Amino acid sequence: MRNIMVPLDYDTVDNIVCMQIQEMKESLEGYLIQVKNNKKGTVFDMDYKKDMKQIKEHIKACEMIYAYFGGNNK
């Protein structure tokens, strides 16, 4: 297998990070809705209330990271 080197500038790397963080945030928001509505599963804790709290904290963290890399929170 051959290695391929691709030069990336800082803005490109920031955009990639923003896209990934936004995807993670959207995924966590989906989990939060599922936990609130169905209570069929949890992500971080078996206790639903604790799980919802941790999911919300992770969403907040995603928003902070996203803003740091120049994204606009939706």
N, C-alpha and C. Protein backbone atom coordinates (compact mmCIF):
# COMPACT_ATOMS: atom_id res chain seq x y z
N MET A 1 0.85 -1.17 0.00
CA MET A 1 0.00 0.00 0.00
C MET A 1 0.90 1.24 0.00
N ARG A 2 0.53 2.22 -0.82
CA ARG A 2 1.31 3.45 -0.90
C ARG A 2 0.66 4.54 -0.07
N ASN A 3 1.49 5.35 0.53
CA ASN A 3 0.98 6.50 1.29
C ASN A 3 0.80 7.67 0.34
N ILE A 4 -0.26 8.42 0.56
CA ILE A 4 -0.53 9.61 -0.22
C ILE A 4 -0.52 10.80 0.73
N MET A 5 0.26 11.78 0.41
CA MET A 5 0.33 12.99 1.23
C MET A 5 -0.54 14.07 0.59
N VAL A 6 -1.42 14.63 1.38
CA VAL A 6 -2.30 15.70 0.90
C VAL A 6 -2.06 16.93 1.78
N PRO A 7 -1.57 18.00 1.19
CA PRO A 7 -1.36 19.21 2.00
C PRO A 7 -2.69 19.87 2.33
N LEU A 8 -2.86 20.24 3.57
CA LEU A 8 -4.09 20.91 4.03
C LEU A 8 -3.72 22.21 4.71
N ASP A 9 -4.45 23.26 4.39
CA ASP A 9 -4.21 24.51 5.10
C ASP A 9 -5.05 24.54 6.38
N TYR A 10 -4.79 25.51 7.22
CA TYR A 10 -5.47 25.59 8.52
C TYR A 10 -6.98 25.72 8.38
N ASP A 11 -7.43 26.50 7.41
CA ASP A 11 -8.88 26.69 7.23
C ASP A 11 -9.57 25.38 6.84
N THR A 12 -8.91 24.59 6.01
CA THR A 12 -9.48 23.31 5.61
C THR A 12 -9.60 22.37 6.81
N VAL A 13 -8.56 22.32 7.62
CA VAL A 13 -8.59 21.48 8.81
C VAL A 13 -9.69 21.95 9.77
N ASP A 14 -9.80 23.25 9.97
CA ASP A 14 -10.86 23.80 10.83
C ASP A 14 -12.23 23.42 10.31
N ASN A 15 -12.42 23.49 8.99
CA ASN A 15 -13.72 23.13 8.40
C ASN A 15 -14.03 21.65 8.61
N ILE A 16 -13.02 20.80 8.49
CA ILE A 16 -13.23 19.37 8.71
C ILE A 16 -13.62 19.12 10.16
N VAL A 17 -12.92 19.76 11.09
CA VAL A 17 -13.24 19.61 12.51
C VAL A 17 -14.67 20.10 12.78
N CYS A 18 -15.04 21.24 12.23
CA CYS A 18 -16.39 21.79 12.43
C CYS A 18 -17.45 20.84 11.92
N MET A 19 -17.22 20.25 10.75
CA MET A 19 -18.21 19.32 10.19
C MET A 19 -18.36 18.10 11.10
N GLN A 20 -17.27 17.57 11.61
CA GLN A 20 -17.33 16.39 12.47
C GLN A 20 -18.00 16.70 13.81
N ILE A 21 -17.67 17.85 14.38
CA ILE A 21 -18.28 18.25 15.65
C ILE A 21 -19.78 18.47 15.46
N GLN A 22 -20.18 19.09 14.35
CA GLN A 22 -21.59 19.32 14.08
C GLN A 22 -22.34 17.99 13.94
N GLU A 23 -21.72 17.03 13.26
CA GLU A 23 -22.33 15.70 13.14
C GLU A 23 -22.48 15.04 14.50
N MET A 24 -21.46 15.16 15.35
CA MET A 24 -21.53 14.58 16.69
C MET A 24 -22.64 15.22 17.50
N LYS A 25 -22.75 16.56 17.40
CA LYS A 25 -23.79 17.28 18.13
C LYS A 25 -25.18 16.83 17.67
N GLU A 26 -25.37 16.72 16.37
CA GLU A 26 -26.66 16.28 15.85
C GLU A 26 -26.98 14.86 16.29
N SER A 27 -25.98 14.01 16.34
CA SER A 27 -26.18 12.65 16.80
C SER A 27 -26.59 12.63 18.27
N LEU A 28 -25.91 13.43 19.09
CA LEU A 28 -26.26 13.51 20.52
C LEU A 28 -27.66 14.08 20.71
N GLU A 29 -28.05 15.05 19.89
CA GLU A 29 -29.41 15.60 19.98
C GLU A 29 -30.44 14.53 19.64
N GLY A 30 -30.12 13.68 18.68
CA GLY A 30 -31.01 12.57 18.35
C GLY A 30 -31.13 11.58 19.50
N TYR A 31 -30.00 11.27 20.14
CA TYR A 31 -30.02 10.38 21.31
C TYR A 31 -30.86 11.00 22.43
N LEU A 32 -30.72 12.30 22.63
CA LEU A 32 -31.46 12.98 23.68
C LEU A 32 -32.96 12.86 23.45
N ILE A 33 -33.39 13.05 22.21
CA ILE A 33 -34.82 12.91 21.88
C ILE A 33 -35.27 11.48 22.13
N GLN A 34 -34.46 10.51 21.73
CA GLN A 34 -34.83 9.11 21.95
C GLN A 34 -34.96 8.79 23.43
N VAL A 35 -34.01 9.26 24.22
CA VAL A 35 -34.04 8.98 25.66
C VAL A 35 -35.25 9.65 26.29
N LYS A 36 -35.54 10.90 25.87
CA LYS A 36 -36.70 11.62 26.42
C LYS A 36 -38.01 10.93 26.07
N ASN A 37 -38.14 10.51 24.82
CA ASN A 37 -39.42 9.97 24.33
C ASN A 37 -39.61 8.50 24.63
N ASN A 38 -38.64 7.70 24.31
CA ASN A 38 -38.82 6.25 24.38
C ASN A 38 -38.38 5.64 25.69
N LYS A 39 -37.33 6.20 26.22
CA LYS A 39 -36.69 5.61 27.40
C LYS A 39 -36.38 4.13 27.15
N LYS A 40 -35.95 3.82 25.90
CA LYS A 40 -35.61 2.45 25.55
C LYS A 40 -34.13 2.15 25.69
N GLY A 41 -33.33 3.18 25.79
CA GLY A 41 -31.90 2.97 25.89
C GLY A 41 -31.22 4.22 26.42
N THR A 42 -30.00 4.07 26.82
CA THR A 42 -29.23 5.19 27.34
C THR A 42 -27.88 5.23 26.65
N VAL A 43 -27.16 6.32 26.83
CA VAL A 43 -25.86 6.49 26.19
C VAL A 43 -24.73 6.43 27.22
N PHE A 44 -24.81 7.28 28.24
CA PHE A 44 -23.72 7.41 29.20
C PHE A 44 -24.02 6.81 30.57
N ASP A 45 -25.29 6.72 30.93
CA ASP A 45 -25.67 6.27 32.27
C ASP A 45 -26.98 5.49 32.18
N MET A 46 -27.13 4.49 33.00
CA MET A 46 -28.35 3.69 32.98
C MET A 46 -29.55 4.45 33.55
N ASP A 47 -29.30 5.45 34.37
CA ASP A 47 -30.36 6.30 34.91
C ASP A 47 -30.72 7.35 33.85
N TYR A 48 -32.01 7.40 33.46
CA TYR A 48 -32.43 8.27 32.36
C TYR A 48 -32.16 9.75 32.64
N LYS A 49 -32.44 10.20 33.84
CA LYS A 49 -32.22 11.62 34.16
C LYS A 49 -30.74 11.97 34.11
N LYS A 50 -29.91 11.10 34.67
CA LYS A 50 -28.46 11.34 34.63
C LYS A 50 -27.95 11.28 33.20
N ASP A 51 -28.50 10.36 32.43
CA ASP A 51 -28.09 10.22 31.03
C ASP A 51 -28.44 11.48 30.24
N MET A 52 -29.66 11.99 30.41
CA MET A 52 -30.06 13.21 29.71
C MET A 52 -29.16 14.38 30.10
N LYS A 53 -28.80 14.46 31.37
CA LYS A 53 -27.92 15.53 31.83
C LYS A 53 -26.56 15.43 31.16
N GLN A 54 -26.01 14.23 31.09
CA GLN A 54 -24.69 14.06 30.47
C GLN A 54 -24.75 14.33 28.97
N ILE A 55 -25.81 13.91 28.31
CA ILE A 55 -25.95 14.18 26.88
C ILE A 55 -25.99 15.69 26.65
N LYS A 56 -26.75 16.41 27.48
CA LYS A 56 -26.83 17.87 27.35
C LYS A 56 -25.46 18.52 27.57
N GLU A 57 -24.69 18.00 28.53
CA GLU A 57 -23.35 18.53 28.78
C GLU A 57 -22.44 18.30 27.57
N HIS A 58 -22.56 17.13 26.95
CA HIS A 58 -21.75 16.84 25.77
C HIS A 58 -22.18 17.72 24.59
N ILE A 59 -23.46 17.99 24.45
CA ILE A 59 -23.94 18.89 23.40
C ILE A 59 -23.35 20.28 23.61
N LYS A 60 -23.36 20.75 24.85
CA LYS A 60 -22.76 22.06 25.17
C LYS A 60 -21.28 22.08 24.81
N ALA A 61 -20.58 21.01 25.14
CA ALA A 61 -19.15 20.92 24.83
C ALA A 61 -18.93 20.97 23.32
N CYS A 62 -19.76 20.29 22.56
CA CYS A 62 -19.67 20.32 21.10
C CYS A 62 -19.86 21.74 20.60
N GLU A 63 -20.82 22.46 21.17
CA GLU A 63 -21.07 23.84 20.76
C GLU A 63 -19.86 24.73 21.04
N MET A 64 -19.21 24.52 22.17
CA MET A 64 -18.03 25.31 22.51
C MET A 64 -16.87 25.00 21.56
N ILE A 65 -16.65 23.74 21.27
CA ILE A 65 -15.57 23.35 20.36
C ILE A 65 -15.86 23.88 18.96
N TYR A 66 -17.10 23.75 18.55
CA TYR A 66 -17.51 24.23 17.22
C TYR A 66 -17.26 25.72 17.09
N ALA A 67 -17.61 26.48 18.09
CA ALA A 67 -17.40 27.93 18.07
C ALA A 67 -15.91 28.26 18.06
N TYR A 68 -15.11 27.50 18.80
CA TYR A 68 -13.67 27.73 18.84
C TYR A 68 -13.04 27.59 17.44
N PHE A 69 -13.52 26.61 16.68
CA PHE A 69 -12.98 26.38 15.35
C PHE A 69 -13.66 27.23 14.27
N GLY A 70 -14.47 28.19 14.69
CA GLY A 70 -15.02 29.14 13.74
C GLY A 70 -16.38 28.80 13.19
N GLY A 71 -17.04 27.80 13.74
CA GLY A 71 -18.38 27.45 13.26
C GLY A 71 -19.45 28.34 13.87
N ASN A 72 -20.58 28.37 13.24
CA ASN A 72 -21.75 29.10 13.77
C ASN A 72 -22.75 28.07 14.27
N ASN A 73 -23.04 28.08 15.56
CA ASN A 73 -23.97 27.10 16.13
C ASN A 73 -25.36 27.32 15.58
N LYS A 74 -26.00 26.19 15.26
CA LYS A 74 -27.37 26.23 14.73
C LYS A 74 -28.34 25.87 15.82
